[in-house]
N, C-alpha and C. Protein backbone atom coordinates (compact mmCIF):
# COMPACT_ATOMS: atom_id res chain seq x y z
N UNK A 1 -15.70 14.62 2.14
CA UNK A 1 -14.91 13.87 1.18
C UNK A 1 -13.67 14.69 0.81
N UNK A 2 -12.45 14.03 0.84
CA UNK A 2 -11.23 14.78 0.53
C UNK A 2 -11.18 15.16 -0.95
N UNK A 3 -10.44 16.23 -1.26
CA UNK A 3 -10.29 16.62 -2.66
C UNK A 3 -9.65 15.49 -3.47
N UNK A 4 -9.91 15.48 -4.76
CA UNK A 4 -9.46 14.40 -5.64
C UNK A 4 -7.94 14.25 -5.63
N UNK A 5 -7.19 15.36 -5.61
CA UNK A 5 -5.73 15.24 -5.66
C UNK A 5 -5.19 14.58 -4.40
N UNK A 6 -5.81 14.81 -3.25
CA UNK A 6 -5.37 14.15 -2.02
C UNK A 6 -5.71 12.67 -2.05
N UNK A 7 -6.85 12.35 -2.64
CA UNK A 7 -7.25 10.96 -2.76
C UNK A 7 -6.26 10.20 -3.65
N UNK A 8 -5.87 10.83 -4.75
CA UNK A 8 -4.94 10.21 -5.68
C UNK A 8 -3.56 10.05 -5.03
N UNK A 9 -3.13 11.06 -4.27
CA UNK A 9 -1.81 11.02 -3.64
C UNK A 9 -1.76 9.96 -2.54
N UNK A 10 -2.86 9.74 -1.85
CA UNK A 10 -2.83 8.78 -0.75
C UNK A 10 -2.67 7.35 -1.26
N UNK A 11 -3.01 7.10 -2.50
CA UNK A 11 -2.87 5.75 -3.04
C UNK A 11 -1.73 5.64 -4.03
N UNK A 12 -0.99 6.73 -4.28
CA UNK A 12 0.04 6.69 -5.29
C UNK A 12 1.24 5.83 -4.90
N UNK A 13 1.44 5.57 -3.63
CA UNK A 13 2.57 4.76 -3.18
C UNK A 13 2.18 3.31 -2.91
N UNK A 14 0.92 2.97 -3.07
CA UNK A 14 0.44 1.64 -2.73
C UNK A 14 1.11 0.55 -3.55
N UNK A 15 1.23 0.75 -4.85
CA UNK A 15 1.86 -0.25 -5.71
C UNK A 15 3.30 -0.50 -5.33
N UNK A 16 4.01 0.56 -5.01
CA UNK A 16 5.41 0.43 -4.60
C UNK A 16 5.51 -0.29 -3.25
N UNK A 17 4.60 0.02 -2.35
CA UNK A 17 4.59 -0.65 -1.04
C UNK A 17 4.39 -2.15 -1.21
N UNK A 18 3.49 -2.54 -2.11
CA UNK A 18 3.24 -3.97 -2.34
C UNK A 18 4.47 -4.65 -2.93
N UNK A 19 5.20 -3.95 -3.81
CA UNK A 19 6.43 -4.52 -4.37
C UNK A 19 7.50 -4.70 -3.30
N UNK A 20 7.60 -3.73 -2.39
CA UNK A 20 8.57 -3.83 -1.30
C UNK A 20 8.23 -5.03 -0.41
N UNK A 21 6.96 -5.19 -0.07
CA UNK A 21 6.56 -6.33 0.76
C UNK A 21 6.85 -7.66 0.07
N UNK A 22 6.55 -7.74 -1.22
CA UNK A 22 6.79 -8.96 -1.98
C UNK A 22 8.29 -9.27 -2.02
N UNK A 23 9.10 -8.25 -2.27
CA UNK A 23 10.55 -8.43 -2.35
C UNK A 23 11.11 -8.88 -0.99
N UNK A 24 10.67 -8.23 0.08
CA UNK A 24 11.14 -8.62 1.41
C UNK A 24 10.69 -10.03 1.78
N UNK A 25 9.46 -10.38 1.40
CA UNK A 25 8.94 -11.72 1.72
C UNK A 25 9.73 -12.82 1.04
N UNK A 26 10.30 -12.53 -0.12
CA UNK A 26 11.08 -13.52 -0.86
C UNK A 26 12.55 -13.53 -0.46
N UNK A 27 12.96 -12.64 0.42
CA UNK A 27 14.38 -12.54 0.79
C UNK A 27 14.75 -13.65 1.77
N UNK A 28 16.01 -14.08 1.73
CA UNK A 28 16.48 -15.12 2.67
C UNK A 28 16.32 -14.71 4.14
N UNK A 29 16.41 -13.44 4.41
CA UNK A 29 16.27 -12.96 5.79
C UNK A 29 14.90 -13.34 6.35
N UNK A 30 13.85 -13.10 5.59
CA UNK A 30 12.49 -13.40 6.05
C UNK A 30 12.23 -14.90 6.03
N UNK A 31 12.68 -15.56 4.97
CA UNK A 31 12.44 -17.00 4.84
C UNK A 31 13.09 -17.78 5.97
N UNK A 32 14.30 -17.41 6.35
CA UNK A 32 15.05 -18.15 7.39
C UNK A 32 14.91 -17.55 8.78
N UNK A 33 14.03 -16.59 8.96
CA UNK A 33 13.87 -15.94 10.26
C UNK A 33 13.22 -16.89 11.26
N UNK A 34 13.72 -16.92 12.50
CA UNK A 34 13.15 -17.84 13.50
C UNK A 34 11.73 -17.48 13.95
N UNK A 35 11.35 -16.22 13.88
CA UNK A 35 10.02 -15.80 14.33
C UNK A 35 9.26 -15.20 13.15
N UNK A 36 8.38 -15.97 12.50
CA UNK A 36 7.68 -15.47 11.30
C UNK A 36 6.81 -14.24 11.55
N UNK A 37 6.37 -14.04 12.78
CA UNK A 37 5.51 -12.89 13.05
C UNK A 37 6.28 -11.58 13.07
N UNK A 38 7.59 -11.64 13.33
CA UNK A 38 8.40 -10.43 13.39
C UNK A 38 9.38 -10.32 12.22
N UNK A 39 9.33 -11.28 11.31
CA UNK A 39 10.33 -11.36 10.24
C UNK A 39 10.33 -10.11 9.35
N UNK A 40 9.18 -9.70 8.85
CA UNK A 40 9.14 -8.54 7.95
C UNK A 40 9.60 -7.27 8.66
N UNK A 41 9.18 -7.10 9.88
CA UNK A 41 9.57 -5.89 10.62
C UNK A 41 11.07 -5.84 10.85
N UNK A 42 11.65 -6.94 11.29
CA UNK A 42 13.08 -6.96 11.60
C UNK A 42 13.95 -6.94 10.34
N UNK A 43 13.52 -7.63 9.30
CA UNK A 43 14.32 -7.66 8.07
C UNK A 43 14.18 -6.36 7.28
N UNK A 44 13.20 -5.57 7.61
CA UNK A 44 13.02 -4.29 6.93
C UNK A 44 14.00 -3.23 7.37
N UNK A 45 14.72 -3.46 8.47
CA UNK A 45 15.72 -2.50 8.93
C UNK A 45 16.90 -2.48 7.96
N UNK A 46 17.45 -1.32 7.77
CA UNK A 46 18.51 -1.13 6.76
C UNK A 46 19.78 -1.93 7.03
N UNK A 47 20.09 -2.21 8.28
CA UNK A 47 21.35 -2.87 8.58
C UNK A 47 21.24 -4.39 8.65
N UNK A 48 20.09 -4.94 8.29
CA UNK A 48 19.87 -6.38 8.39
C UNK A 48 20.48 -7.09 7.18
N UNK A 49 21.15 -8.20 7.43
CA UNK A 49 21.76 -9.01 6.37
C UNK A 49 20.70 -9.88 5.71
N UNK A 50 20.95 -10.30 4.47
CA UNK A 50 20.08 -11.25 3.79
C UNK A 50 18.98 -10.61 2.97
N UNK A 51 19.06 -9.30 2.74
CA UNK A 51 18.07 -8.61 1.91
C UNK A 51 18.82 -8.02 0.72
N UNK A 52 18.30 -8.24 -0.48
CA UNK A 52 19.00 -7.82 -1.69
C UNK A 52 19.06 -6.30 -1.82
N UNK A 53 20.02 -5.87 -2.61
CA UNK A 53 20.18 -4.43 -2.87
C UNK A 53 18.95 -3.87 -3.58
N UNK A 54 18.33 -4.69 -4.42
CA UNK A 54 17.12 -4.26 -5.12
C UNK A 54 15.99 -3.94 -4.14
N UNK A 55 15.84 -4.76 -3.12
CA UNK A 55 14.82 -4.50 -2.09
C UNK A 55 15.14 -3.21 -1.34
N UNK A 56 16.41 -3.00 -1.04
CA UNK A 56 16.80 -1.78 -0.34
C UNK A 56 16.50 -0.54 -1.17
N UNK A 57 16.74 -0.64 -2.48
CA UNK A 57 16.45 0.50 -3.36
C UNK A 57 14.95 0.76 -3.41
N UNK A 58 14.15 -0.32 -3.46
CA UNK A 58 12.69 -0.14 -3.47
C UNK A 58 12.21 0.47 -2.17
N UNK A 59 12.82 0.09 -1.06
CA UNK A 59 12.47 0.69 0.23
C UNK A 59 12.76 2.18 0.22
N UNK A 60 13.90 2.55 -0.35
CA UNK A 60 14.26 3.97 -0.42
C UNK A 60 13.28 4.73 -1.32
N UNK A 61 12.88 4.11 -2.43
CA UNK A 61 11.90 4.74 -3.32
C UNK A 61 10.56 4.93 -2.61
N UNK A 62 10.15 3.93 -1.84
CA UNK A 62 8.89 4.03 -1.11
C UNK A 62 8.96 5.15 -0.07
N UNK A 63 10.09 5.23 0.63
CA UNK A 63 10.26 6.30 1.63
C UNK A 63 10.20 7.67 0.96
N UNK A 64 10.84 7.80 -0.22
CA UNK A 64 10.80 9.06 -0.95
C UNK A 64 9.38 9.37 -1.42
N UNK A 65 8.66 8.37 -1.85
CA UNK A 65 7.27 8.56 -2.27
C UNK A 65 6.43 9.10 -1.12
N UNK A 66 6.62 8.53 0.06
CA UNK A 66 5.86 8.99 1.23
C UNK A 66 6.24 10.42 1.61
N UNK A 67 7.54 10.76 1.50
CA UNK A 67 7.96 12.13 1.79
C UNK A 67 7.38 13.10 0.77
N UNK A 68 7.31 12.67 -0.49
CA UNK A 68 6.75 13.52 -1.53
C UNK A 68 5.28 13.85 -1.28
N UNK A 69 4.60 12.97 -0.58
CA UNK A 69 3.19 13.22 -0.27
C UNK A 69 3.04 14.43 0.64
N UNK A 70 4.07 14.75 1.41
CA UNK A 70 4.03 15.89 2.32
C UNK A 70 4.55 17.17 1.68
N UNK A 71 5.20 17.05 0.53
CA UNK A 71 5.77 18.18 -0.18
C UNK A 71 4.66 19.00 -0.83
N UNK A 72 4.58 20.27 -0.51
CA UNK A 72 3.50 21.12 -1.04
C UNK A 72 3.53 21.23 -2.56
N UNK A 73 4.72 21.24 -3.14
CA UNK A 73 4.81 21.32 -4.60
C UNK A 73 4.23 20.08 -5.25
N UNK A 74 4.44 18.93 -4.63
CA UNK A 74 3.93 17.67 -5.18
C UNK A 74 2.42 17.59 -5.01
N UNK A 75 1.88 18.31 -4.05
CA UNK A 75 0.42 18.28 -3.86
C UNK A 75 -0.30 18.91 -5.05
N UNK A 76 0.36 19.85 -5.69
CA UNK A 76 -0.25 20.49 -6.86
C UNK A 76 -0.11 19.62 -8.09
N UNK A 77 1.12 19.11 -8.31
CA UNK A 77 1.39 18.33 -9.52
C UNK A 77 1.07 16.85 -9.33
N UNK A 78 1.03 16.38 -8.10
CA UNK A 78 0.76 14.98 -7.83
C UNK A 78 2.05 14.18 -7.80
N UNK A 79 2.02 13.07 -7.10
CA UNK A 79 3.16 12.17 -7.03
C UNK A 79 3.31 11.46 -8.37
N UNK A 80 4.53 11.21 -8.83
CA UNK A 80 4.67 10.43 -10.05
C UNK A 80 4.20 9.00 -9.79
N UNK A 81 3.74 8.33 -10.80
CA UNK A 81 3.26 6.96 -10.64
C UNK A 81 4.42 6.02 -10.41
N UNK A 82 4.53 5.47 -9.23
CA UNK A 82 5.63 4.56 -8.91
C UNK A 82 5.24 3.16 -9.26
């Protein structure tokens, strides 16, 4: 069984990930995409049109959260609750 701090860190970005998915799913890019199976993947790219600035900021926050999980200093103090 992993130590408690690693367990907590592995789920600390989950809420933010769900918000990013929800935001992308509601974006015009995903709604109007011709292939629904690839819509989230393709609209998640930074250069894609039809995704709000708010979604892009949440994506950046999620990426930072994931990077913080690898930061040794954050392993001691834990990731902030996103």
